[in-house]
PDB file of N, CA and C in Angstrom:
ATOM      1  N   MET A   1     124.494 223.647 249.734  1.00  0.00           N
ATOM      2  CA  MET A   1     124.445 222.204 249.784  1.00  0.00           C
ATOM      3  C   MET A   1     125.352 221.724 250.912  1.00  0.00           C
ATOM      4  N   ALA A   2     124.829 221.554 252.087  1.00  0.00           N
ATOM      5  CA  ALA A   2     125.609 221.167 253.250  1.00  0.00           C
ATOM      6  C   ALA A   2     125.686 219.651 253.357  1.00  0.00           C
ATOM      7  N   ALA A   3     126.848 219.164 253.722  1.00  0.00           N
ATOM      8  CA  ALA A   3     127.045 217.725 253.894  1.00  0.00           C
ATOM      9  C   ALA A   3     126.629 217.326 255.303  1.00  0.00           C
ATOM     10  N   PRO A   4     126.063 216.145 255.470  1.00  0.00           N
ATOM     11  CA  PRO A   4     125.691 215.683 256.800  1.00  0.00           C
ATOM     12  C   PRO A   4     126.923 215.555 257.696  1.00  0.00           C
ATOM     13  N   LYS A   5     126.743 215.774 258.999  1.00  0.00           N
ATOM     14  CA  LYS A   5     127.867 215.712 259.929  1.00  0.00           C
ATOM     15  C   LYS A   5     128.459 214.314 260.033  1.00  0.00           C
ATOM     16  N   ASN A   6     127.640 213.283 259.830  1.00  0.00           N
ATOM     17  CA  ASN A   6     128.147 211.921 259.950  1.00  0.00           C
ATOM     18  C   ASN A   6     128.729 211.401 258.639  1.00  0.00           C
ATOM     19  N   ASN A   7     128.889 212.262 257.652  1.00  0.00           N
ATOM     20  CA  ASN A   7     129.452 211.878 256.364  1.00  0.00           C
ATOM     21  C   ASN A   7     130.962 211.675 256.524  1.00  0.00           C
ATOM     22  N   ARG A   8     131.447 210.468 256.334  1.00  0.00           N
ATOM     23  CA  ARG A   8     132.860 210.147 256.524  1.00  0.00           C
ATOM     24  C   ARG A   8     133.546 209.811 255.208  1.00  0.00           C
ATOM     25  N   ARG A   9     133.055 210.364 254.095  1.00  0.00           N
ATOM     26  CA  ARG A   9     133.689 210.076 252.805  1.00  0.00           C
ATOM     27  C   ARG A   9     135.097 210.663 252.794  1.00  0.00           C
ATOM     28  N   LYS A  10     135.998 209.960 252.154  1.00  0.00           N
ATOM     29  CA  LYS A  10     137.392 210.381 252.084  1.00  0.00           C
ATOM     30  C   LYS A  10     137.540 211.570 251.141  1.00  0.00           C
ATOM     31  N   GLN A  11     138.259 212.590 251.596  1.00  0.00           N
ATOM     32  CA  GLN A  11     138.535 213.757 250.768  1.00  0.00           C
ATOM     33  C   GLN A  11     139.939 213.615 250.195  1.00  0.00           C
ATOM     34  N   VAL A  12     140.075 213.889 248.902  1.00  0.00           N
ATOM     35  CA  VAL A  12     141.358 213.742 248.222  1.00  0.00           C
ATOM     36  C   VAL A  12     141.711 215.042 247.512  1.00  0.00           C
ATOM     37  N   ARG A  13     143.001 215.245 247.330  1.00  0.00           N
ATOM     38  CA  ARG A  13     143.480 216.424 246.604  1.00  0.00           C
ATOM     39  C   ARG A  13     143.226 216.206 245.118  1.00  0.00           C
ATOM     40  N   LEU A  14     142.540 217.151 244.509  1.00  0.00           N
ATOM     41  CA  LEU A  14     142.262 217.044 243.080  1.00  0.00           C
ATOM     42  C   LEU A  14     143.374 217.692 242.272  1.00  0.00           C
ATOM     43  N   THR A  15     143.734 218.918 242.627  1.00  0.00           N
ATOM     44  CA  THR A  15     144.777 219.641 241.911  1.00  0.00           C
ATOM     45  C   THR A  15     145.226 220.829 242.748  1.00  0.00           C
ATOM     46  N   GLY A  16     146.227 221.527 242.278  1.00  0.00           N
ATOM     47  CA  GLY A  16     146.741 222.704 242.967  1.00  0.00           C
ATOM     48  C   GLY A  16     146.775 223.903 242.046  1.00  0.00           C
ATOM     49  N   PHE A  17     146.760 225.087 242.645  1.00  0.00           N
ATOM     50  CA  PHE A  17     146.797 226.339 241.892  1.00  0.00           C
ATOM     51  C   PHE A  17     147.854 227.253 242.493  1.00  0.00           C
ATOM     52  N   ASP A  18     148.410 228.128 241.668  1.00  0.00           N
ATOM     53  CA  ASP A  18     149.471 229.028 242.119  1.00  0.00           C
ATOM     54  C   ASP A  18     148.964 230.178 242.979  1.00  0.00           C
ATOM     55  N   ASN A  19     147.660 230.480 242.921  1.00  0.00           N
ATOM     56  CA  ASN A  19     147.144 231.594 243.707  1.00  0.00           C
ATOM     57  C   ASN A  19     145.682 231.366 244.067  1.00  0.00           C
ATOM     58  N   GLU A  20     145.178 232.184 244.984  1.00  0.00           N
ATOM     59  CA  GLU A  20     143.814 232.013 245.482  1.00  0.00           C
ATOM     60  C   GLU A  20     142.737 232.296 244.437  1.00  0.00           C
ATOM     61  N   PRO A  21     142.858 233.346 243.617  1.00  0.00           N
ATOM     62  CA  PRO A  21     141.781 233.605 242.643  1.00  0.00           C
ATOM     63  C   PRO A  21     141.526 232.448 241.690  1.00  0.00           C
ATOM     64  N   MET A  22     142.586 231.788 241.219  1.00  0.00           N
ATOM     65  CA  MET A  22     142.394 230.651 240.313  1.00  0.00           C
ATOM     66  C   MET A  22     141.738 229.481 241.045  1.00  0.00           C
ATOM     67  N   ALA A  23     142.125 229.272 242.291  1.00  0.00           N
ATOM     68  CA  ALA A  23     141.515 228.199 243.083  1.00  0.00           C
ATOM     69  C   ALA A  23     140.041 228.494 243.336  1.00  0.00           C
ATOM     70  N   ARG A  24     139.707 229.756 243.613  1.00  0.00           N
ATOM     71  CA  ARG A  24     138.307 230.135 243.866  1.00  0.00           C
ATOM     72  C   ARG A  24     137.448 229.947 242.607  1.00  0.00           C
ATOM     73  N   LEU A  25     138.021 230.253 241.435  1.00  0.00           N
ATOM     74  CA  LEU A  25     137.273 230.046 240.190  1.00  0.00           C
ATOM     75  C   LEU A  25     136.942 228.568 239.985  1.00  0.00           C
ATOM     76  N   ALA A  26     137.925 227.704 240.223  1.00  0.00           N
ATOM     77  CA  ALA A  26     137.686 226.265 240.081  1.00  0.00           C
ATOM     78  C   ALA A  26     136.670 225.789 241.116  1.00  0.00           C
ATOM     79  N   GLU A  27     136.775 226.314 242.340  1.00  0.00           N
ATOM     80  CA  GLU A  27     135.827 225.959 243.399  1.00  0.00           C
ATOM     81  C   GLU A  27     134.401 226.342 242.989  1.00  0.00           C
ATOM     82  N   GLN A  28     134.241 227.525 242.419  1.00  0.00           N
ATOM     83  CA  GLN A  28     132.911 227.970 241.980  1.00  0.00           C
ATOM     84  C   GLN A  28     132.362 227.071 240.873  1.00  0.00           C
ATOM     85  N   ARG A  29     133.208 226.688 239.934  1.00  0.00           N
ATOM     86  CA  ARG A  29     132.749 225.811 238.848  1.00  0.00           C
ATOM     87  C   ARG A  29     132.265 224.472 239.388  1.00  0.00           C
ATOM     88  N   LEU A  30     132.984 223.938 240.382  1.00  0.00           N
ATOM     89  CA  LEU A  30     132.574 222.657 240.949  1.00  0.00           C
ATOM     90  C   LEU A  30     131.274 222.780 241.728  1.00  0.00           C
ATOM     91  N   TRP A  31     131.120 223.855 242.512  1.00  0.00           N
ATOM     92  CA  TRP A  31     129.872 224.039 243.255  1.00  0.00           C
ATOM     93  C   TRP A  31     128.702 224.233 242.300  1.00  0.00           C
ATOM     94  N   GLN A  32     128.908 224.907 241.168  1.00  0.00           N
ATOM     95  CA  GLN A  32     127.844 225.067 240.175  1.00  0.00           C
ATOM     96  C   GLN A  32     127.446 223.721 239.578  1.00  0.00           C
ATOM     97  N   ALA A  33     128.399 222.808 239.506  1.00  0.00           N
ATOM     98  CA  ALA A  33     128.115 221.456 239.001  1.00  0.00           C
ATOM     99  C   ALA A  33     127.642 220.548 240.141  1.00  0.00           C
ATOM    100  N   GLU A  34     127.377 221.130 241.305  1.00  0.00           N
ATOM    101  CA  GLU A  34     126.898 220.418 242.491  1.00  0.00           C
ATOM    102  C   GLU A  34     127.876 219.349 242.974  1.00  0.00           C
ATOM    103  N   ILE A  35     129.174 219.703 242.913  1.00  0.00           N
ATOM    104  CA  ILE A  35     130.229 218.842 243.437  1.00  0.00           C
ATOM    105  C   ILE A  35     130.812 219.536 244.662  1.00  0.00           C
ATOM    106  N   PRO A  36     130.604 218.988 245.866  1.00  0.00           N
ATOM    107  CA  PRO A  36     131.152 219.607 247.064  1.00  0.00           C
ATOM    108  C   PRO A  36     132.680 219.606 247.025  1.00  0.00           C
ATOM    109  N   CYS A  37     133.279 220.716 247.421  1.00  0.00           N
ATOM    110  CA  CYS A  37     134.731 220.824 247.411  1.00  0.00           C
ATOM    111  C   CYS A  37     135.163 221.905 248.389  1.00  0.00           C
ATOM    112  N   PHE A  38     136.447 221.973 248.643  1.00  0.00           N
ATOM    113  CA  PHE A  38     137.002 223.074 249.421  1.00  0.00           C
ATOM    114  C   PHE A  38     138.439 223.294 248.993  1.00  0.00           C
ATOM    115  N   ILE A  39     138.943 224.505 249.256  1.00  0.00           N
ATOM    116  CA  ILE A  39     140.328 224.814 248.939  1.00  0.00           C
ATOM    117  C   ILE A  39     141.072 225.067 250.240  1.00  0.00           C
ATOM    118  N   ARG A  40     142.375 224.839 250.194  1.00  0.00           N
ATOM    119  CA  ARG A  40     143.207 225.036 251.374  1.00  0.00           C
ATOM    120  C   ARG A  40     144.469 225.779 250.957  1.00  0.00           C
ATOM    121  N   SER A  41     144.770 226.828 251.690  1.00  0.00           N
ATOM    122  CA  SER A  41     145.971 227.600 251.425  1.00  0.00           C
ATOM    123  C   SER A  41     147.192 226.832 251.910  1.00  0.00           C
ATOM    124  N   LEU A  42     148.231 226.820 251.098  1.00  0.00           N
ATOM    125  CA  LEU A  42     149.482 226.182 251.483  1.00  0.00           C
ATOM    126  C   LEU A  42     150.459 227.261 251.928  1.00  0.00           C
ATOM    127  N   ARG A  43     151.378 226.896 252.776  1.00  0.00           N
ATOM    128  CA  ARG A  43     152.397 227.829 253.282  1.00  0.00           C
ATOM    129  C   ARG A  43     151.782 229.049 253.961  1.00  0.00           C
ATOM    130  N   GLY A  44     150.877 228.844 254.869  1.00  0.00           N
ATOM    131  CA  GLY A  44     150.292 229.957 255.618  1.00  0.00           C
ATOM    132  C   GLY A  44     148.936 230.336 255.093  1.00  0.00           C
ATOM    133  N   GLY A  45     148.513 231.504 255.442  1.00  0.00           N
ATOM    134  CA  GLY A  45     147.202 231.971 255.027  1.00  0.00           C
ATOM    135  C   GLY A  45     146.956 233.376 255.531  1.00  0.00           C
ATOM    136  N   PRO A  46     145.708 233.813 255.536  1.00  0.00           N
ATOM    137  CA  PRO A  46     145.414 235.169 256.012  1.00  0.00           C
ATOM    138  C   PRO A  46     145.933 235.363 257.432  1.00  0.00           C
ATOM    139  N   GLY A  47     146.616 236.467 257.660  1.00  0.00           N
ATOM    140  CA  GLY A  47     147.162 236.757 258.976  1.00  0.00           C
ATOM    141  C   GLY A  47     148.631 236.433 259.072  1.00  0.00           C
ATOM    142  N   LEU A  48     149.065 235.352 258.427  1.00  0.00           N
ATOM    143  CA  LEU A  48     150.475 234.991 258.490  1.00  0.00           C
ATOM    144  C   LEU A  48     151.301 235.925 257.610  1.00  0.00           C
ATOM    145  N   TRP A  49     150.900 236.073 256.359  1.00  0.00           N
ATOM    146  CA  TRP A  49     151.608 236.952 255.433  1.00  0.00           C
ATOM    147  C   TRP A  49     150.778 238.190 255.101  1.00  0.00           C
ATOM    148  N   GLY A  50     149.645 238.365 255.751  1.00  0.00           N
ATOM    149  CA  GLY A  50     148.790 239.508 255.465  1.00  0.00           C
ATOM    150  C   GLY A  50     147.700 239.159 254.476  1.00  0.00           C
ATOM    151  N   SER A  51     147.968 238.258 253.556  1.00  0.00           N
ATOM    152  CA  SER A  51     146.989 237.856 252.555  1.00  0.00           C
ATOM    153  C   SER A  51     147.401 236.508 251.994  1.00  0.00           C
ATOM    154  N   SER A  52     146.429 235.712 251.619  1.00  0.00           N
ATOM    155  CA  SER A  52     146.751 234.423 250.995  1.00  0.00           C
ATOM    156  C   SER A  52     146.596 234.504 249.484  1.00  0.00           C
ATOM    157  N   TYR A  53     146.447 235.712 248.958  1.00  0.00           N
ATOM    158  CA  TYR A  53     146.181 235.934 247.542  1.00  0.00           C
ATOM    159  C   TYR A  53     147.205 235.252 246.640  1.00  0.00           C
ATOM    160  N   ASN A  54     148.495 235.416 246.917  1.00  0.00           N
ATOM    161  CA  ASN A  54     149.536 234.879 246.040  1.00  0.00           C
ATOM    162  C   ASN A  54     150.125 233.565 246.518  1.00  0.00           C
ATOM    163  N   LEU A  55     149.527 232.958 247.522  1.00  0.00           N
ATOM    164  CA  LEU A  55     150.032 231.677 248.009  1.00  0.00           C
ATOM    165  C   LEU A  55     149.376 230.532 247.241  1.00  0.00           C
ATOM    166  N   PRO A  56     150.081 229.413 247.065  1.00  0.00           N
ATOM    167  CA  PRO A  56     149.474 228.268 246.387  1.00  0.00           C
ATOM    168  C   PRO A  56     148.312 227.700 247.196  1.00  0.00           C
ATOM    169  N   HIS A  57     147.321 227.170 246.496  1.00  0.00           N
ATOM    170  CA  HIS A  57     146.141 226.565 247.113  1.00  0.00           C
ATOM    171  C   HIS A  57     145.884 225.207 246.480  1.00  0.00           C
ATOM    172  N   ASP A  58     145.462 224.257 247.298  1.00  0.00           N
ATOM    173  CA  ASP A  58     145.049 222.947 246.807  1.00  0.00           C
ATOM    174  C   ASP A  58     143.535 222.860 246.826  1.00  0.00           C
ATOM    175  N   LEU A  59     142.981 222.107 245.882  1.00  0.00           N
ATOM    176  CA  LEU A  59     141.543 221.901 245.770  1.00  0.00           C
ATOM    177  C   LEU A  59     141.238 220.450 246.127  1.00  0.00           C
ATOM    178  N   PHE A  60     140.312 220.249 247.070  1.00  0.00           N
ATOM    179  CA  PHE A  60     139.952 218.919 247.541  1.00  0.00           C
ATOM    180  C   PHE A  60     138.503 218.607 247.215  1.00  0.00           C
ATOM    181  N   VAL A  61     138.243 217.348 246.877  1.00  0.00           N
ATOM    182  CA  VAL A  61     136.881 216.860 246.623  1.00  0.00           C
ATOM    183  C   VAL A  61     136.752 215.502 247.310  1.00  0.00           C
ATOM    184  N   HIS A  62     135.523 214.992 247.388  1.00  0.00           N
ATOM    185  CA  HIS A  62     135.323 213.643 247.895  1.00  0.00           C
ATOM    186  C   HIS A  62     135.844 212.661 246.856  1.00  0.00           C
ATOM    187  N   GLU A  63     136.383 211.568 247.322  1.00  0.00           N
ATOM    188  CA  GLU A  63     136.982 210.571 246.437  1.00  0.00           C
ATOM    189  C   GLU A  63     136.002 210.080 245.373  1.00  0.00           C
ATOM    190  N   THR A  64     134.737 209.961 245.744  1.00  0.00           N
ATOM    191  CA  THR A  64     133.727 209.478 244.793  1.00  0.00           C
ATOM    192  C   THR A  64     133.424 210.507 243.703  1.00  0.00           C
ATOM    193  N   ASP A  65     133.739 211.774 243.938  1.00  0.00           N
ATOM    194  CA  ASP A  65     133.471 212.842 242.967  1.00  0.00           C
ATOM    195  C   ASP A  65     134.687 213.210 242.129  1.00  0.00           C
ATOM    196  N   ARG A  66     135.816 212.538 242.364  1.00  0.00           N
ATOM    197  CA  ARG A  66     137.063 212.928 241.712  1.00  0.00           C
ATOM    198  C   ARG A  66     136.977 212.895 240.184  1.00  0.00           C
ATOM    199  N   ALA A  67     136.451 211.826 239.611  1.00  0.00           N
ATOM    200  CA  ALA A  67     136.405 211.696 238.153  1.00  0.00           C
ATOM    201  C   ALA A  67     135.520 212.773 237.537  1.00  0.00           C
ATOM    202  N   ARG A  68     134.356 212.992 238.134  1.00  0.00           N
ATOM    203  CA  ARG A  68     133.446 214.009 237.590  1.00  0.00           C
ATOM    204  C   ARG A  68     134.035 215.405 237.746  1.00  0.00           C
ATOM    205  N   ALA A  69     134.696 215.676 238.873  1.00  0.00           N
ATOM    206  CA  ALA A  69     135.321 216.980 239.094  1.00  0.00           C
ATOM    207  C   ALA A  69     136.451 217.218 238.093  1.00  0.00           C
ATOM    208  N   SER A  70     137.237 216.175 237.809  1.00  0.00           N
ATOM    209  CA  SER A  70     138.308 216.299 236.810  1.00  0.00           C
ATOM    210  C   SER A  70     137.728 216.624 235.443  1.00  0.00           C
ATOM    211  N   GLU A  71     136.594 216.027 235.134  1.00  0.00           N
ATOM    212  CA  GLU A  71     135.941 216.294 233.854  1.00  0.00           C
ATOM    213  C   GLU A  71     135.417 217.731 233.790  1.00  0.00           C
ATOM    214  N   VAL A  72     134.798 218.201 234.867  1.00  0.00           N
ATOM    215  CA  VAL A  72     134.261 219.570 234.893  1.00  0.00           C
ATOM    216  C   VAL A  72     135.382 220.593 234.724  1.00  0.00           C
ATOM    217  N   LEU A  73     136.523 220.351 235.365  1.00  0.00           N
ATOM    218  CA  LEU A  73     137.644 221.291 235.290  1.00  0.00           C
ATOM    219  C   LEU A  73     138.594 220.989 234.139  1.00  0.00           C
ATOM    220  N   ASP A  74     138.277 219.973 233.334  1.00  0.00           N
ATOM    221  CA  ASP A  74     139.094 219.586 232.183  1.00  0.00           C
ATOM    222  C   ASP A  74     140.521 219.246 232.610  1.00  0.00           C
ATOM    223  N   LEU A  75     140.635 218.350 233.581  1.00  0.00           N
ATOM    224  CA  LEU A  75     141.943 217.951 234.094  1.00  0.00           C
ATOM    225  C   LEU A  75     142.399 216.607 233.555  1.00  0.00           C
ATOM    226  N   GLU A  76     141.777 216.103 232.486  1.00  0.00           N
ATOM    227  CA  GLU A  76     142.157 214.807 231.948  1.00  0.00           C
ATOM    228  C   GLU A  76     143.613 214.770 231.519  1.00  0.00           C
ATOM    229  N   HIS A  77     144.148 215.918 231.130  1.00  0.00           N
ATOM    230  CA  HIS A  77     145.532 215.968 230.678  1.00  0.00           C
ATOM    231  C   HIS A  77     146.528 215.910 231.830  1.00  0.00           C
ATOM    232  N   ALA A  78     146.073 216.096 233.065  1.00  0.00           N
ATOM    233  CA  ALA A  78     146.970 216.080 234.220  1.00  0.00           C
ATOM    234  C   ALA A  78     147.464 214.667 234.480  1.00  0.00           C
ATOM    235  N   GLU A  79     148.716 214.562 234.861  1.00  0.00           N
ATOM    236  CA  GLU A  79     149.281 213.257 235.162  1.00  0.00           C
ATOM    237  C   GLU A  79     148.791 212.805 236.530  1.00  0.00           C
ATOM    238  N   LEU A  80     148.671 211.495 236.691  1.00  0.00           N
ATOM    239  CA  LEU A  80     148.257 210.963 237.982  1.00  0.00           C
ATOM    240  C   LEU A  80     149.485 210.590 238.795  1.00  0.00           C
ATOM    241  N   ASP A  81     149.476 211.007 240.033  1.00  0.00           N
ATOM    242  CA  ASP A  81     150.539 210.650 240.955  1.00  0.00           C
ATOM    243  C   ASP A  81     150.328 209.201 241.389  1.00  0.00           C
ATOM    244  N   ALA A  82     151.335 208.381 241.270  1.00  0.00           N
ATOM    245  CA  ALA A  82     151.176 206.961 241.572  1.00  0.00           C
ATOM    246  C   ALA A  82     150.871 206.716 243.041  1.00  0.00           C
ATOM    247  N   GLY A  83     151.380 207.566 243.932  1.00  0.00           N
ATOM    248  CA  GLY A  83     151.185 207.365 245.361  1.00  0.00           C
ATOM    249  C   GLY A  83     149.737 207.513 245.792  1.00  0.00           C
ATOM    250  N   GLU A  84     149.098 208.627 245.493  1.00  0.00           N
ATOM    251  CA  GLU A  84     147.741 208.878 245.955  1.00  0.00           C
ATOM    252  C   GLU A  84     146.704 208.707 244.861  1.00  0.00           C
ATOM    253  N   GLY A  85     147.136 208.686 243.606  1.00  0.00           N
ATOM    254  CA  GLY A  85     146.185 208.595 242.517  1.00  0.00           C
ATOM    255  C   GLY A  85     145.453 209.897 242.282  1.00  0.00           C
ATOM    256  N   THR A  86     146.067 211.016 242.623  1.00  0.00           N
ATOM    257  CA  THR A  86     145.434 212.311 242.416  1.00  0.00           C
ATOM    258  C   THR A  86     146.172 213.070 241.330  1.00  0.00           C
ATOM    259  N   PRO A  87     145.456 213.852 240.528  1.00  0.00           N
ATOM    260  CA  PRO A  87     146.127 214.629 239.494  1.00  0.00           C
ATOM    261  C   PRO A  87     147.112 215.625 240.096  1.00  0.00           C
ATOM    262  N   VAL A  88     148.211 215.802 239.404  1.00  0.00           N
ATOM    263  CA  VAL A  88     149.221 216.741 239.858  1.00  0.00           C
ATOM    264  C   VAL A  88     149.362 217.818 238.797  1.00  0.00           C
ATOM    265  N   GLN A  89     149.226 219.065 239.206  1.00  0.00           N
ATOM    266  CA  GLN A  89     149.392 220.187 238.289  1.00  0.00           C
ATOM    267  C   GLN A  89     150.738 220.813 238.594  1.00  0.00           C
ATOM    268  N   ALA A  90     151.548 220.997 237.562  1.00  0.00           N
ATOM    269  CA  ALA A  90     152.875 221.561 237.765  1.00  0.00           C
ATOM    270  C   ALA A  90     152.764 222.998 238.250  1.00  0.00           C
ATOM    271  N   ARG A  91     153.584 223.313 239.231  1.00  0.00           N
ATOM    272  CA  ARG A  91     153.639 224.678 239.747  1.00  0.00           C
ATOM    273  C   ARG A  91     154.976 225.258 239.345  1.00  0.00           C
ATOM    274  N   SER A  92     154.979 226.534 239.041  1.00  0.00           N
ATOM    275  CA  SER A  92     156.234 227.180 238.696  1.00  0.00           C
ATOM    276  C   SER A  92     156.996 227.477 239.974  1.00  0.00           C
ATOM    277  N   ASN A  93     158.266 227.138 239.974  1.00  0.00           N
ATOM    278  CA  ASN A  93     159.127 227.429 241.109  1.00  0.00           C
ATOM    279  C   ASN A  93     160.088 228.543 240.742  1.00  0.00           C
ATOM    280  N   GLY A  94     159.690 229.414 239.828  1.00  0.00           N
ATOM    281  CA  GLY A  94     160.545 230.498 239.373  1.00  0.00           C
ATOM    282  C   GLY A  94     160.949 231.425 240.488  1.00  0.00           C
ATOM    283  N   GLY A  95     160.054 231.709 241.408  1.00  0.00           N
ATOM    284  CA  GLY A  95     160.363 232.613 242.516  1.00  0.00           C
ATOM    285  C   GLY A  95     161.429 232.038 243.431  1.00  0.00           C
ATOM    286  N   LEU A  96     161.341 230.766 243.757  1.00  0.00           N
ATOM    287  CA  LEU A  96     162.341 230.133 244.613  1.00  0.00           C
ATOM    288  C   LEU A  96     163.680 230.030 243.903  1.00  0.00           C
ATOM    289  N   TRP A  97     163.641 229.715 242.637  1.00  0.00           N
ATOM    290  CA  TRP A  97     164.872 229.601 241.867  1.00  0.00           C
ATOM    291  C   TRP A  97     165.571 230.955 241.793  1.00  0.00           C
ATOM    292  N   LEU A  98     164.802 232.004 241.550  1.00  0.00           N
ATOM    293  CA  LEU A  98     165.369 233.355 241.470  1.00  0.00           C
ATOM    294  C   LEU A  98     165.936 233.784 242.816  1.00  0.00           C
ATOM    295  N   ALA A  99     165.244 233.491 243.904  1.00  0.00           N
ATOM    296  CA  ALA A  99     165.740 233.843 245.236  1.00  0.00           C
ATOM    297  C   ALA A  99     167.059 233.121 245.518  1.00  0.00           C
ATOM    298  N   GLY A 100     167.167 231.860 245.128  1.00  0.00           N
ATOM    299  CA  GLY A 100     168.406 231.119 245.309  1.00  0.00           C
ATOM    300  C   GLY A 100     169.545 231.705 244.487  1.00  0.00           C
ATOM    301  N   LEU A 101     169.236 232.115 243.276  1.00  0.00           N
ATOM    302  CA  LEU A 101     170.246 232.725 242.411  1.00  0.00           C
ATOM    303  C   LEU A 101     170.745 234.044 242.993  1.00  0.00           C
ATOM    304  N   VAL A 102     169.836 234.876 243.480  1.00  0.00           N
ATOM    305  CA  VAL A 102     170.220 236.157 244.085  1.00  0.00           C
ATOM    306  C   VAL A 102     171.063 235.926 245.331  1.00  0.00           C
ATOM    307  N   LEU A 103     170.667 234.973 246.169  1.00  0.00           N
ATOM    308  CA  LEU A 103     171.431 234.674 247.382  1.00  0.00           C
ATOM    309  C   LEU A 103     172.835 234.203 247.040  1.00  0.00           C
ATOM    310  N   THR A 104     172.962 233.355 246.031  1.00  0.00           N
ATOM    311  CA  THR A 104     174.273 232.885 245.606  1.00  0.00           C
ATOM    312  C   THR A 104     175.132 234.039 245.105  1.00  0.00           C
ATOM    313  N   ALA A 105     174.555 234.930 244.317  1.00  0.00           N
ATOM    314  CA  ALA A 105     175.298 236.076 243.798  1.00  0.00           C
ATOM    315  C   ALA A 105     175.781 236.978 244.938  1.00  0.00           C
ATOM    316  N   VAL A 106     174.923 237.218 245.916  1.00  0.00           N
ATOM    317  CA  VAL A 106     175.305 238.059 247.061  1.00  0.00           C
ATOM    318  C   VAL A 106     176.441 237.413 247.841  1.00  0.00           C
ATOM    319  N   LEU A 107     176.374 236.104 248.045  1.00  0.00           N
ATOM    320  CA  LEU A 107     177.449 235.416 248.763  1.00  0.00           C
ATOM    321  C   LEU A 107     178.770 235.477 247.999  1.00  0.00           C
ATOM    322  N   VAL A 108     178.733 235.280 246.687  1.00  0.00           N
ATOM    323  CA  VAL A 108     179.954 235.334 245.874  1.00  0.00           C
ATOM    324  C   VAL A 108     180.560 236.737 245.916  1.00  0.00           C
ATOM    325  N   VAL A 109     179.736 237.761 245.765  1.00  0.00           N
ATOM    326  CA  VAL A 109     180.239 239.144 245.814  1.00  0.00           C
ATOM    327  C   VAL A 109     180.814 239.439 247.198  1.00  0.00           C
ATOM    328  N   GLY A 110     180.161 238.980 248.249  1.00  0.00           N
ATOM    329  CA  GLY A 110     180.673 239.192 249.603  1.00  0.00           C
ATOM    330  C   GLY A 110     182.021 238.540 249.830  1.00  0.00           C
ATOM    331  N   ILE A 111     182.177 237.323 249.326  1.00  0.00           N
ATOM    332  CA  ILE A 111     183.458 236.614 249.471  1.00  0.00           C
ATOM    333  C   ILE A 111     184.543 237.333 248.691  1.00  0.00           C
ATOM    334  N   ILE A 112     184.238 237.777 247.484  1.00  0.00           N
ATOM    335  CA  ILE A 112     185.232 238.486 246.664  1.00  0.00           C
ATOM    336  C   ILE A 112     185.647 239.786 247.343  1.00  0.00           C
ATOM    337  N   LEU A 113     184.695 240.544 247.855  1.00  0.00           N
ATOM    338  CA  LEU A 113     185.015 241.796 248.544  1.00  0.00           C
ATOM    339  C   LEU A 113     185.843 241.538 249.792  1.00  0.00           C
ATOM    340  N   ARG A 114     185.534 240.499 250.492  1.00  0.00           N
ATOM    341  CA  ARG A 114     186.291 240.163 251.724  1.00  0.00           C
ATOM    342  C   ARG A 114     187.726 239.787 251.369  1.00  0.00           C
ATOM    343  N   LEU A 115     187.914 239.024 250.300  1.00  0.00           N
ATOM    344  CA  LEU A 115     189.252 238.592 249.909  1.00  0.00           C
ATOM    345  C   LEU A 115     190.084 239.763 249.381  1.00  0.00           C
ATOM    346  N   THR A 116     189.443 240.704 248.687  1.00  0.00           N
ATOM    347  CA  THR A 116     190.196 241.835 248.123  1.00  0.00           C
ATOM    348  C   THR A 116     190.504 242.891 249.169  1.00  0.00           C
ATOM    349  N   SER A 117     189.755 242.910 250.271  1.00  0.00           N
ATOM    350  CA  SER A 117     190.002 243.936 251.290  1.00  0.00           C
ATOM    351  C   SER A 117     191.024 243.484 252.330  1.00  0.00           C
ATOM    352  N   VAL A 118     191.482 242.238 252.267  1.00  0.00           N
ATOM    353  CA  VAL A 118     192.491 241.736 253.210  1.00  0.00           C
ATOM    354  C   VAL A 118     193.826 242.326 252.836  1.00  0.00           C
ATOM    355  N   GLN A 119     194.488 242.983 253.825  1.00  0.00           N
ATOM    356  CA  GLN A 119     195.793 243.603 253.567  1.00  0.00           C
ATOM    357  C   GLN A 119     196.893 242.706 254.111  1.00  0.00           C
ATOM    358  N   PRO A 120     197.990 242.565 253.329  1.00  0.00           N
ATOM    359  CA  PRO A 120     199.098 241.703 253.788  1.00  0.00           C
ATOM    360  C   PRO A 120     199.898 242.293 254.909  1.00  0.00           C
TER     361      PRO A 120
END
């Protein structure tokens, strides 16, 4: 189902996913329901990190299809962002939080070792 080249309908972010396989599943469900959509990798993509498999992806639809797409994907429970009016799906930031914790621990251990190795 190809869209005409002169089609200027506004595309909006419907929701986000933590990885590519989940985004592809949602994309397939929407195409089966004859709702045009596309996904976009965030923070790089194939070639940058070798694979976009574990990178977050956003799902976009035409503004006129947003309500029907939300219904097909059962996104009624998602909160609406006041700025754009698009559903927001919470993403886990556990990886970033853990990386920050490890970095802090390494810095503290380094400072302690530096202070204990100073000879008077």
